[in-house]
């Protein structure tokens, strides 16, 4: 199952900046994810895949929409990314979002 981090580089950081943190944790290096370069699909790319239109309500949750569409709450980020909203906090009642019908199509257009 692909995740947001499937293709992200893992870095080993031995920077002096993190010295107090490494000392506190008793480690010599800290492993962390590199900042990914996020691809944002164009309107044309999004229009080529089937999706359902959804009007956001106060009670909506991206994880619930992901479960309803894909059977897995962990794909909430696909709906958020596809629509250009990083989190639910960026959505407001009445906002129109699109939920890709097929997870594979959504991951393909997002280049994941």
PDB file of N, CA and C in Angstrom:
ATOM      1  N   UNK A   1       0.847  -1.171   0.000  1.00  0.00           N
ATOM      2  CA  UNK A   1       0.000   0.000   0.000  1.00  0.00           C
ATOM      3  C   UNK A   1       0.899   1.242   0.000  1.00  0.00           C
ATOM      4  N   UNK A   2       0.768   2.120  -1.000  1.00  0.00           N
ATOM      5  CA  UNK A   2       1.597   3.323  -1.028  1.00  0.00           C
ATOM      6  C   UNK A   2       1.173   4.308   0.064  1.00  0.00           C
ATOM      7  N   UNK A   3       2.141   5.027   0.551  1.00  0.00           N
ATOM      8  CA  UNK A   3       1.864   6.089   1.521  1.00  0.00           C
ATOM      9  C   UNK A   3       2.471   7.367   0.988  1.00  0.00           C
ATOM     10  N   UNK A   4       2.255   8.461   1.688  1.00  0.00           N
ATOM     11  CA  UNK A   4       2.848   9.731   1.278  1.00  0.00           C
ATOM     12  C   UNK A   4       4.364   9.652   1.312  1.00  0.00           C
ATOM     13  N   UNK A   5       4.904   8.732   2.095  1.00  0.00           N
ATOM     14  CA  UNK A   5       6.347   8.660   2.290  1.00  0.00           C
ATOM     15  C   UNK A   5       7.016   7.519   1.533  1.00  0.00           C
ATOM     16  N   UNK A   6       6.278   6.833   0.689  1.00  0.00           N
ATOM     17  CA  UNK A   6       6.825   5.669  -0.019  1.00  0.00           C
ATOM     18  C   UNK A   6       8.086   5.986  -0.810  1.00  0.00           C
ATOM     19  N   UNK A   7       8.120   7.149  -1.430  1.00  0.00           N
ATOM     20  CA  UNK A   7       9.261   7.490  -2.278  1.00  0.00           C
ATOM     21  C   UNK A   7      10.105   8.615  -1.692  1.00  0.00           C
ATOM     22  N   UNK A   8       9.881   8.955  -0.426  1.00  0.00           N
ATOM     23  CA  UNK A   8      10.603  10.042   0.207  1.00  0.00           C
ATOM     24  C   UNK A   8      11.945   9.553   0.737  1.00  0.00           C
ATOM     25  N   UNK A   9      12.974  10.328   0.492  1.00  0.00           N
ATOM     26  CA  UNK A   9      14.311   9.996   0.952  1.00  0.00           C
ATOM     27  C   UNK A   9      14.401  10.147   2.470  1.00  0.00           C
ATOM     28  N   UNK A  10      15.074   9.204   3.115  1.00  0.00           N
ATOM     29  CA  UNK A  10      15.320   9.303   4.551  1.00  0.00           C
ATOM     30  C   UNK A  10      16.740   9.808   4.734  1.00  0.00           C
ATOM     31  N   UNK A  11      16.874  10.880   5.489  1.00  0.00           N
ATOM     32  CA  UNK A  11      18.170  11.509   5.720  1.00  0.00           C
ATOM     33  C   UNK A  11      18.687  11.147   7.109  1.00  0.00           C
ATOM     34  N   UNK A  12      20.007  11.097   7.243  1.00  0.00           N
ATOM     35  CA  UNK A  12      20.631  10.938   8.538  1.00  0.00           C
ATOM     36  C   UNK A  12      21.253  12.271   8.891  1.00  0.00           C
ATOM     37  N   UNK A  13      20.794  12.858   9.972  1.00  0.00           N
ATOM     38  CA  UNK A  13      21.217  14.202  10.340  1.00  0.00           C
ATOM     39  C   UNK A  13      22.113  14.156  11.571  1.00  0.00           C
ATOM     40  N   UNK A  14      23.392  14.564  11.383  1.00  0.00           N
ATOM     41  CA  UNK A  14      24.339  14.638  12.492  1.00  0.00           C
ATOM     42  C   UNK A  14      24.747  16.090  12.738  1.00  0.00           C
ATOM     43  N   UNK A  15      23.911  17.024  12.328  1.00  0.00           N
ATOM     44  CA  UNK A  15      24.180  18.453  12.458  1.00  0.00           C
ATOM     45  C   UNK A  15      24.372  18.853  13.919  1.00  0.00           C
ATOM     46  N   UNK A  16      25.262  19.801  14.149  1.00  0.00           N
ATOM     47  CA  UNK A  16      25.473  20.323  15.503  1.00  0.00           C
ATOM     48  C   UNK A  16      24.199  20.936  16.072  1.00  0.00           C
ATOM     49  N   UNK A  17      23.344  21.438  15.204  1.00  0.00           N
ATOM     50  CA  UNK A  17      22.095  22.048  15.634  1.00  0.00           C
ATOM     51  C   UNK A  17      21.268  21.080  16.479  1.00  0.00           C
ATOM     52  N   UNK A  18      21.305  19.794  16.115  1.00  0.00           N
ATOM     53  CA  UNK A  18      20.515  18.783  16.814  1.00  0.00           C
ATOM     54  C   UNK A  18      21.277  18.105  17.949  1.00  0.00           C
ATOM     55  N   UNK A  19      22.447  18.590  18.282  1.00  0.00           N
ATOM     56  CA  UNK A  19      23.265  17.981  19.325  1.00  0.00           C
ATOM     57  C   UNK A  19      22.516  17.813  20.650  1.00  0.00           C
ATOM     58  N   UNK A  20      21.829  18.863  21.160  1.00  0.00           N
ATOM     59  CA  UNK A  20      21.092  18.681  22.429  1.00  0.00           C
ATOM     60  C   UNK A  20      20.007  17.598  22.338  1.00  0.00           C
ATOM     61  N   UNK A  21      19.333  17.529  21.203  1.00  0.00           N
ATOM     62  CA  UNK A  21      18.288  16.529  21.031  1.00  0.00           C
ATOM     63  C   UNK A  21      18.888  15.121  20.970  1.00  0.00           C
ATOM     64  N   UNK A  22      20.000  14.981  20.239  1.00  0.00           N
ATOM     65  CA  UNK A  22      20.652  13.667  20.156  1.00  0.00           C
ATOM     66  C   UNK A  22      21.138  13.227  21.526  1.00  0.00           C
ATOM     67  N   UNK A  23      21.696  14.167  22.280  1.00  0.00           N
ATOM     68  CA  UNK A  23      22.199  13.844  23.617  1.00  0.00           C
ATOM     69  C   UNK A  23      21.045  13.403  24.517  1.00  0.00           C
ATOM     70  N   UNK A  24      19.932  14.131  24.453  1.00  0.00           N
ATOM     71  CA  UNK A  24      18.759  13.799  25.255  1.00  0.00           C
ATOM     72  C   UNK A  24      18.227  12.403  24.921  1.00  0.00           C
ATOM     73  N   UNK A  25      18.273  12.060  23.645  1.00  0.00           N
ATOM     74  CA  UNK A  25      17.759  10.752  23.197  1.00  0.00           C
ATOM     75  C   UNK A  25      18.813   9.646  23.255  1.00  0.00           C
ATOM     76  N   UNK A  26      20.068  10.027  23.493  1.00  0.00           N
ATOM     77  CA  UNK A  26      21.131   9.023  23.564  1.00  0.00           C
ATOM     78  C   UNK A  26      21.467   8.411  22.214  1.00  0.00           C
ATOM     79  N   UNK A  27      21.398   9.222  21.148  1.00  0.00           N
ATOM     80  CA  UNK A  27      21.718   8.734  19.804  1.00  0.00           C
ATOM     81  C   UNK A  27      22.788   9.616  19.162  1.00  0.00           C
ATOM     82  N   UNK A  28      23.496   9.056  18.191  1.00  0.00           N
ATOM     83  CA  UNK A  28      24.537   9.815  17.492  1.00  0.00           C
ATOM     84  C   UNK A  28      24.000  10.568  16.287  1.00  0.00           C
ATOM     85  N   UNK A  29      22.940  10.029  15.695  1.00  0.00           N
ATOM     86  CA  UNK A  29      22.343  10.636  14.507  1.00  0.00           C
ATOM     87  C   UNK A  29      20.825  10.586  14.613  1.00  0.00           C
ATOM     88  N   UNK A  30      20.179  11.484  13.904  1.00  0.00           N
ATOM     89  CA  UNK A  30      18.712  11.496  13.834  1.00  0.00           C
ATOM     90  C   UNK A  30      18.317  11.205  12.397  1.00  0.00           C
ATOM     91  N   UNK A  31      17.432  10.244  12.236  1.00  0.00           N
ATOM     92  CA  UNK A  31      16.908   9.939  10.898  1.00  0.00           C
ATOM     93  C   UNK A  31      15.627  10.722  10.713  1.00  0.00           C
ATOM     94  N   UNK A  32      15.496  11.365   9.554  1.00  0.00           N
ATOM     95  CA  UNK A  32      14.297  12.140   9.270  1.00  0.00           C
ATOM     96  C   UNK A  32      13.995  12.103   7.781  1.00  0.00           C
ATOM     97  N   UNK A  33      12.753  12.392   7.439  1.00  0.00           N
ATOM     98  CA  UNK A  33      12.343  12.409   6.047  1.00  0.00           C
ATOM     99  C   UNK A  33      12.760  13.720   5.392  1.00  0.00           C
ATOM    100  N   UNK A  34      13.229  13.615   4.164  1.00  0.00           N
ATOM    101  CA  UNK A  34      13.512  14.819   3.380  1.00  0.00           C
ATOM    102  C   UNK A  34      12.181  15.476   3.032  1.00  0.00           C
ATOM    103  N   UNK A  35      12.183  16.771   2.872  1.00  0.00           N
ATOM    104  CA  UNK A  35      10.978  17.473   2.482  1.00  0.00           C
ATOM    105  C   UNK A  35      10.622  17.074   1.055  1.00  0.00           C
ATOM    106  N   UNK A  36       9.453  16.480   0.860  1.00  0.00           N
ATOM    107  CA  UNK A  36       9.103  16.033  -0.491  1.00  0.00           C
ATOM    108  C   UNK A  36       8.733  17.202  -1.392  1.00  0.00           C
ATOM    109  N   UNK A  37       8.981  17.024  -2.677  1.00  0.00           N
ATOM    110  CA  UNK A  37       8.516  17.982  -3.671  1.00  0.00           C
ATOM    111  C   UNK A  37       7.139  17.506  -4.095  1.00  0.00           C
ATOM    112  N   UNK A  38       6.157  18.312  -3.793  1.00  0.00           N
ATOM    113  CA  UNK A  38       4.778  17.910  -4.036  1.00  0.00           C
ATOM    114  C   UNK A  38       4.349  18.354  -5.424  1.00  0.00           C
ATOM    115  N   UNK A  39       3.803  17.409  -6.152  1.00  0.00           N
ATOM    116  CA  UNK A  39       3.280  17.678  -7.487  1.00  0.00           C
ATOM    117  C   UNK A  39       1.807  18.035  -7.361  1.00  0.00           C
ATOM    118  N   UNK A  40       1.418  19.120  -7.981  1.00  0.00           N
ATOM    119  CA  UNK A  40       0.015  19.523  -7.975  1.00  0.00           C
ATOM    120  C   UNK A  40      -0.556  19.326  -9.385  1.00  0.00           C
ATOM    121  N   UNK A  41      -1.499  18.407  -9.524  1.00  0.00           N
ATOM    122  CA  UNK A  41      -2.066  18.153 -10.851  1.00  0.00           C
ATOM    123  C   UNK A  41      -2.836  19.363 -11.372  1.00  0.00           C
ATOM    124  N   UNK A  42      -2.788  19.526 -12.661  1.00  0.00           N
ATOM    125  CA  UNK A  42      -3.513  20.638 -13.288  1.00  0.00           C
ATOM    126  C   UNK A  42      -5.006  20.322 -13.326  1.00  0.00           C
ATOM    127  N   UNK A  43      -5.791  21.325 -13.625  1.00  0.00           N
ATOM    128  CA  UNK A  43      -7.238  21.141 -13.767  1.00  0.00           C
ATOM    129  C   UNK A  43      -7.507  20.123 -14.871  1.00  0.00           C
ATOM    130  N   UNK A  44      -6.745  20.198 -15.961  1.00  0.00           N
ATOM    131  CA  UNK A  44      -6.916  19.257 -17.063  1.00  0.00           C
ATOM    132  C   UNK A  44      -6.638  17.822 -16.649  1.00  0.00           C
ATOM    133  N   UNK A  45      -5.578  17.624 -15.866  1.00  0.00           N
ATOM    134  CA  UNK A  45      -5.248  16.271 -15.397  1.00  0.00           C
ATOM    135  C   UNK A  45      -6.346  15.737 -14.478  1.00  0.00           C
ATOM    136  N   UNK A  46      -6.854  16.600 -13.619  1.00  0.00           N
ATOM    137  CA  UNK A  46      -7.923  16.168 -12.710  1.00  0.00           C
ATOM    138  C   UNK A  46      -9.214  15.883 -13.473  1.00  0.00           C
ATOM    139  N   UNK A  47      -9.449  16.607 -14.539  1.00  0.00           N
ATOM    140  CA  UNK A  47     -10.698  16.422 -15.282  1.00  0.00           C
ATOM    141  C   UNK A  47     -10.735  15.091 -16.035  1.00  0.00           C
ATOM    142  N   UNK A  48      -9.588  14.460 -16.218  1.00  0.00           N
ATOM    143  CA  UNK A  48      -9.536  13.195 -16.966  1.00  0.00           C
ATOM    144  C   UNK A  48      -9.895  11.976 -16.121  1.00  0.00           C
ATOM    145  N   UNK A  49     -10.070  12.166 -14.814  1.00  0.00           N
ATOM    146  CA  UNK A  49     -10.457  11.007 -14.002  1.00  0.00           C
ATOM    147  C   UNK A  49     -11.835  11.251 -13.395  1.00  0.00           C
ATOM    148  N   UNK A  50     -12.563  10.176 -13.229  1.00  0.00           N
ATOM    149  CA  UNK A  50     -13.918  10.264 -12.686  1.00  0.00           C
ATOM    150  C   UNK A  50     -13.872  10.597 -11.200  1.00  0.00           C
ATOM    151  N   UNK A  51     -14.735  11.509 -10.798  1.00  0.00           N
ATOM    152  CA  UNK A  51     -14.786  11.881  -9.383  1.00  0.00           C
ATOM    153  C   UNK A  51     -16.203  12.291  -9.008  1.00  0.00           C
ATOM    154  N   UNK A  52     -16.474  12.224  -7.718  1.00  0.00           N
ATOM    155  CA  UNK A  52     -17.759  12.686  -7.183  1.00  0.00           C
ATOM    156  C   UNK A  52     -17.582  14.070  -6.604  1.00  0.00           C
ATOM    157  N   UNK A  53     -18.541  14.931  -6.867  1.00  0.00           N
ATOM    158  CA  UNK A  53     -18.560  16.270  -6.296  1.00  0.00           C
ATOM    159  C   UNK A  53     -19.130  16.168  -4.882  1.00  0.00           C
ATOM    160  N   UNK A  54     -18.479  16.839  -3.937  1.00  0.00           N
ATOM    161  CA  UNK A  54     -18.946  16.805  -2.553  1.00  0.00           C
ATOM    162  C   UNK A  54     -18.938  18.220  -1.993  1.00  0.00           C
ATOM    163  N   UNK A  55     -20.026  18.616  -1.357  1.00  0.00           N
ATOM    164  CA  UNK A  55     -20.102  19.924  -0.713  1.00  0.00           C
ATOM    165  C   UNK A  55     -19.774  19.735   0.765  1.00  0.00           C
ATOM    166  N   UNK A  56     -18.694  20.383   1.204  1.00  0.00           N
ATOM    167  CA  UNK A  56     -18.176  20.228   2.562  1.00  0.00           C
ATOM    168  C   UNK A  56     -19.171  20.762   3.597  1.00  0.00           C
ATOM    169  N   UNK A  57     -19.352  19.962   4.668  1.00  0.00           N
ATOM    170  CA  UNK A  57     -20.205  20.356   5.792  1.00  0.00           C
ATOM    171  C   UNK A  57     -19.349  20.404   7.067  1.00  0.00           C
ATOM    172  N   UNK A  58     -19.833  21.084   8.086  1.00  0.00           N
ATOM    173  CA  UNK A  58     -19.112  21.168   9.357  1.00  0.00           C
ATOM    174  C   UNK A  58     -18.774  19.806   9.935  1.00  0.00           C
ATOM    175  N   UNK A  59     -19.615  18.843   9.729  1.00  0.00           N
ATOM    176  CA  UNK A  59     -19.435  17.514  10.322  1.00  0.00           C
ATOM    177  C   UNK A  59     -18.562  16.586   9.478  1.00  0.00           C
ATOM    178  N   UNK A  60     -18.140  17.020   8.300  1.00  0.00           N
ATOM    179  CA  UNK A  60     -17.328  16.173   7.427  1.00  0.00           C
ATOM    180  C   UNK A  60     -15.919  15.996   7.978  1.00  0.00           C
ATOM    181  N   UNK A  61     -15.334  14.853   7.667  1.00  0.00           N
ATOM    182  CA  UNK A  61     -13.938  14.553   7.973  1.00  0.00           C
ATOM    183  C   UNK A  61     -13.342  13.881   6.738  1.00  0.00           C
ATOM    184  N   UNK A  62     -12.137  14.286   6.378  1.00  0.00           N
ATOM    185  CA  UNK A  62     -11.483  13.687   5.213  1.00  0.00           C
ATOM    186  C   UNK A  62     -11.299  12.188   5.406  1.00  0.00           C
ATOM    187  N   UNK A  63     -10.997  11.775   6.627  1.00  0.00           N
ATOM    188  CA  UNK A  63     -10.812  10.339   6.879  1.00  0.00           C
ATOM    189  C   UNK A  63     -12.109   9.569   6.651  1.00  0.00           C
ATOM    190  N   UNK A  64     -13.241  10.144   7.023  1.00  0.00           N
ATOM    191  CA  UNK A  64     -14.526   9.473   6.790  1.00  0.00           C
ATOM    192  C   UNK A  64     -14.839   9.385   5.302  1.00  0.00           C
ATOM    193  N   UNK A  65     -14.542  10.454   4.563  1.00  0.00           N
ATOM    194  CA  UNK A  65     -14.763  10.425   3.111  1.00  0.00           C
ATOM    195  C   UNK A  65     -13.866   9.378   2.459  1.00  0.00           C
ATOM    196  N   UNK A  66     -12.626   9.277   2.934  1.00  0.00           N
ATOM    197  CA  UNK A  66     -11.698   8.273   2.394  1.00  0.00           C
ATOM    198  C   UNK A  66     -12.208   6.866   2.692  1.00  0.00           C
ATOM    199  N   UNK A  67     -12.721   6.655   3.877  1.00  0.00           N
ATOM    200  CA  UNK A  67     -13.259   5.347   4.226  1.00  0.00           C
ATOM    201  C   UNK A  67     -14.462   5.003   3.345  1.00  0.00           C
ATOM    202  N   UNK A  68     -15.336   5.972   3.184  1.00  0.00           N
ATOM    203  CA  UNK A  68     -16.531   5.737   2.358  1.00  0.00           C
ATOM    204  C   UNK A  68     -16.161   5.410   0.917  1.00  0.00           C
ATOM    205  N   UNK A  69     -15.145   6.084   0.370  1.00  0.00           N
ATOM    206  CA  UNK A  69     -14.791   5.903  -1.039  1.00  0.00           C
ATOM    207  C   UNK A  69     -13.811   4.749  -1.263  1.00  0.00           C
ATOM    208  N   UNK A  70     -12.801   4.627  -0.368  1.00  0.00           N
ATOM    209  CA  UNK A  70     -11.712   3.671  -0.601  1.00  0.00           C
ATOM    210  C   UNK A  70     -11.667   2.530   0.414  1.00  0.00           C
ATOM    211  N   UNK A  71     -12.519   2.618   1.444  1.00  0.00           N
ATOM    212  CA  UNK A  71     -12.515   1.567   2.458  1.00  0.00           C
ATOM    213  C   UNK A  71     -11.349   1.646   3.414  1.00  0.00           C
ATOM    214  N   UNK A  72     -10.658   2.791   3.449  1.00  0.00           N
ATOM    215  CA  UNK A  72      -9.469   2.934   4.301  1.00  0.00           C
ATOM    216  C   UNK A  72      -9.290   4.401   4.678  1.00  0.00           C
ATOM    217  N   UNK A  73      -9.344   4.694   5.977  1.00  0.00           N
ATOM    218  CA  UNK A  73      -9.233   6.080   6.447  1.00  0.00           C
ATOM    219  C   UNK A  73      -7.857   6.672   6.174  1.00  0.00           C
ATOM    220  N   UNK A  74      -6.859   5.818   5.998  1.00  0.00           N
ATOM    221  CA  UNK A  74      -5.489   6.313   5.799  1.00  0.00           C
ATOM    222  C   UNK A  74      -5.294   7.067   4.491  1.00  0.00           C
ATOM    223  N   UNK A  75      -6.268   7.030   3.590  1.00  0.00           N
ATOM    224  CA  UNK A  75      -6.145   7.739   2.311  1.00  0.00           C
ATOM    225  C   UNK A  75      -6.806   9.112   2.321  1.00  0.00           C
ATOM    226  N   UNK A  76      -7.038   9.670   3.506  1.00  0.00           N
ATOM    227  CA  UNK A  76      -7.596  11.015   3.618  1.00  0.00           C
ATOM    228  C   UNK A  76      -6.743  12.025   2.862  1.00  0.00           C
ATOM    229  N   UNK A  77      -5.423  11.816   2.900  1.00  0.00           N
ATOM    230  CA  UNK A  77      -4.481  12.751   2.280  1.00  0.00           C
ATOM    231  C   UNK A  77      -4.640  12.795   0.766  1.00  0.00           C
ATOM    232  N   UNK A  78      -5.122  11.719   0.151  1.00  0.00           N
ATOM    233  CA  UNK A  78      -5.325  11.703  -1.302  1.00  0.00           C
ATOM    234  C   UNK A  78      -6.400  12.726  -1.669  1.00  0.00           C
ATOM    235  N   UNK A  79      -7.488  12.728  -0.914  1.00  0.00           N
ATOM    236  CA  UNK A  79      -8.577  13.671  -1.179  1.00  0.00           C
ATOM    237  C   UNK A  79      -8.106  15.097  -0.914  1.00  0.00           C
ATOM    238  N   UNK A  80      -7.377  15.293   0.178  1.00  0.00           N
ATOM    239  CA  UNK A  80      -6.868  16.626   0.514  1.00  0.00           C
ATOM    240  C   UNK A  80      -5.919  17.131  -0.570  1.00  0.00           C
ATOM    241  N   UNK A  81      -4.960  16.320  -0.944  1.00  0.00           N
ATOM    242  CA  UNK A  81      -3.953  16.708  -1.938  1.00  0.00           C
ATOM    243  C   UNK A  81      -4.604  16.947  -3.299  1.00  0.00           C
ATOM    244  N   UNK A  82      -5.482  16.046  -3.685  1.00  0.00           N
ATOM    245  CA  UNK A  82      -6.163  16.148  -4.973  1.00  0.00           C
ATOM    246  C   UNK A  82      -6.893  17.479  -5.115  1.00  0.00           C
ATOM    247  N   UNK A  83      -7.442  17.959  -4.005  1.00  0.00           N
ATOM    248  CA  UNK A  83      -8.198  19.204  -4.018  1.00  0.00           C
ATOM    249  C   UNK A  83      -7.378  20.427  -3.632  1.00  0.00           C
ATOM    250  N   UNK A  84      -6.137  20.229  -3.239  1.00  0.00           N
ATOM    251  CA  UNK A  84      -5.267  21.349  -2.884  1.00  0.00           C
ATOM    252  C   UNK A  84      -5.521  21.919  -1.499  1.00  0.00           C
ATOM    253  N   UNK A  85      -6.114  21.118  -0.624  1.00  0.00           N
ATOM    254  CA  UNK A  85      -6.343  21.540   0.761  1.00  0.00           C
ATOM    255  C   UNK A  85      -5.453  20.693   1.667  1.00  0.00           C
ATOM    256  N   UNK A  86      -4.484  21.294   2.340  1.00  0.00           N
ATOM    257  CA  UNK A  86      -3.577  20.505   3.177  1.00  0.00           C
ATOM    258  C   UNK A  86      -4.260  19.759   4.325  1.00  0.00           C
ATOM    259  N   UNK A  87      -5.260  20.378   4.934  1.00  0.00           N
ATOM    260  CA  UNK A  87      -5.948  19.758   6.070  1.00  0.00           C
ATOM    261  C   UNK A  87      -7.419  20.175   6.062  1.00  0.00           C
ATOM    262  N   UNK A  88      -8.172  19.568   6.953  1.00  0.00           N
ATOM    263  CA  UNK A  88      -9.592  19.928   7.098  1.00  0.00           C
ATOM    264  C   UNK A  88      -9.759  21.375   7.551  1.00  0.00           C
ATOM    265  N   UNK A  89      -8.767  21.893   8.253  1.00  0.00           N
ATOM    266  CA  UNK A  89      -8.847  23.275   8.744  1.00  0.00           C
ATOM    267  C   UNK A  89      -8.898  24.281   7.598  1.00  0.00           C
ATOM    268  N   UNK A  90      -8.489  23.862   6.406  1.00  0.00           N
ATOM    269  CA  UNK A  90      -8.501  24.747   5.245  1.00  0.00           C
ATOM    270  C   UNK A  90      -9.833  24.715   4.489  1.00  0.00           C
ATOM    271  N   UNK A  91     -10.723  23.833   4.915  1.00  0.00           N
ATOM    272  CA  UNK A  91     -12.035  23.711   4.280  1.00  0.00           C
ATOM    273  C   UNK A  91     -13.088  24.448   5.102  1.00  0.00           C
ATOM    274  N   UNK A  92     -14.086  24.934   4.437  1.00  0.00           N
ATOM    275  CA  UNK A  92     -15.155  25.662   5.105  1.00  0.00           C
ATOM    276  C   UNK A  92     -16.493  25.134   4.593  1.00  0.00           C
ATOM    277  N   UNK A  93     -17.550  25.258   5.400  1.00  0.00           N
ATOM    278  CA  UNK A  93     -18.859  24.779   4.945  1.00  0.00           C
ATOM    279  C   UNK A  93     -19.240  25.413   3.614  1.00  0.00           C
ATOM    280  N   UNK A  94     -19.673  24.565   2.705  1.00  0.00           N
ATOM    281  CA  UNK A  94     -20.060  25.030   1.377  1.00  0.00           C
ATOM    282  C   UNK A  94     -18.961  24.883   0.333  1.00  0.00           C
ATOM    283  N   UNK A  95     -17.730  24.591   0.773  1.00  0.00           N
ATOM    284  CA  UNK A  95     -16.629  24.390  -0.179  1.00  0.00           C
ATOM    285  C   UNK A  95     -16.912  23.141  -1.010  1.00  0.00           C
ATOM    286  N   UNK A  96     -16.595  23.222  -2.288  1.00  0.00           N
ATOM    287  CA  UNK A  96     -16.802  22.083  -3.180  1.00  0.00           C
ATOM    288  C   UNK A  96     -15.475  21.359  -3.336  1.00  0.00           C
ATOM    289  N   UNK A  97     -15.492  20.056  -3.043  1.00  0.00           N
ATOM    290  CA  UNK A  97     -14.310  19.226  -3.271  1.00  0.00           C
ATOM    291  C   UNK A  97     -14.720  18.074  -4.179  1.00  0.00           C
ATOM    292  N   UNK A  98     -13.730  17.446  -4.768  1.00  0.00           N
ATOM    293  CA  UNK A  98     -13.964  16.305  -5.652  1.00  0.00           C
ATOM    294  C   UNK A  98     -13.243  15.098  -5.089  1.00  0.00           C
ATOM    295  N   UNK A  99     -13.943  13.990  -5.052  1.00  0.00           N
ATOM    296  CA  UNK A  99     -13.389  12.749  -4.521  1.00  0.00           C
ATOM    297  C   UNK A  99     -13.198  11.786  -5.682  1.00  0.00           C
ATOM    298  N   UNK A 100     -11.934  11.489  -6.029  1.00  0.00           N
ATOM    299  CA  UNK A 100     -11.690  10.545  -7.122  1.00  0.00           C
ATOM    300  C   UNK A 100     -12.356   9.198  -6.832  1.00  0.00           C
ATOM    301  N   UNK A 101     -13.024   8.649  -7.842  1.00  0.00           N
ATOM    302  CA  UNK A 101     -13.736   7.392  -7.657  1.00  0.00           C
ATOM    303  C   UNK A 101     -12.789   6.217  -7.467  1.00  0.00           C
ATOM    304  N   UNK A 102     -11.657   6.248  -8.145  1.00  0.00           N
ATOM    305  CA  UNK A 102     -10.710   5.142  -8.090  1.00  0.00           C
ATOM    306  C   UNK A 102      -9.407   5.611  -7.467  1.00  0.00           C
ATOM    307  N   UNK A 103      -8.989   4.942  -6.416  1.00  0.00           N
ATOM    308  CA  UNK A 103      -7.757   5.308  -5.725  1.00  0.00           C
ATOM    309  C   UNK A 103      -6.550   5.235  -6.661  1.00  0.00           C
ATOM    310  N   UNK A 104      -6.484   4.201  -7.475  1.00  0.00           N
ATOM    311  CA  UNK A 104      -5.348   4.053  -8.409  1.00  0.00           C
ATOM    312  C   UNK A 104      -5.262   5.235  -9.360  1.00  0.00           C
ATOM    313  N   UNK A 105      -6.404   5.703  -9.868  1.00  0.00           N
ATOM    314  CA  UNK A 105      -6.412   6.871 -10.762  1.00  0.00           C
ATOM    315  C   UNK A 105      -5.932   8.119 -10.041  1.00  0.00           C
ATOM    316  N   UNK A 106      -6.384   8.284  -8.792  1.00  0.00           N
ATOM    317  CA  UNK A 106      -5.978   9.459  -8.011  1.00  0.00           C
ATOM    318  C   UNK A 106      -4.469   9.439  -7.756  1.00  0.00           C
ATOM    319  N   UNK A 107      -3.940   8.290  -7.365  1.00  0.00           N
ATOM    320  CA  UNK A 107      -2.504   8.179  -7.101  1.00  0.00           C
ATOM    321  C   UNK A 107      -1.700   8.415  -8.373  1.00  0.00           C
ATOM    322  N   UNK A 108      -2.253   7.989  -9.501  1.00  0.00           N
ATOM    323  CA  UNK A 108      -1.573   8.187 -10.772  1.00  0.00           C
ATOM    324  C   UNK A 108      -1.513   9.674 -11.118  1.00  0.00           C
ATOM    325  N   UNK A 109      -2.610  10.393 -10.984  1.00  0.00           N
ATOM    326  CA  UNK A 109      -2.631  11.812 -11.331  1.00  0.00           C
ATOM    327  C   UNK A 109      -1.789  12.623 -10.332  1.00  0.00           C
ATOM    328  N   UNK A 110      -1.669  12.127  -9.089  1.00  0.00           N
ATOM    329  CA  UNK A 110      -0.837  12.810  -8.100  1.00  0.00           C
ATOM    330  C   UNK A 110       0.642  12.404  -8.220  1.00  0.00           C
ATOM    331  N   UNK A 111       0.917  11.471  -9.113  1.00  0.00           N
ATOM    332  CA  UNK A 111       2.271  10.976  -9.386  1.00  0.00           C
ATOM    333  C   UNK A 111       2.910  10.340  -8.146  1.00  0.00           C
ATOM    334  N   UNK A 112       2.086   9.541  -7.444  1.00  0.00           N
ATOM    335  CA  UNK A 112       2.558   8.811  -6.264  1.00  0.00           C
ATOM    336  C   UNK A 112       2.760   7.361  -6.642  1.00  0.00           C
TER     337      UNK A 112
END
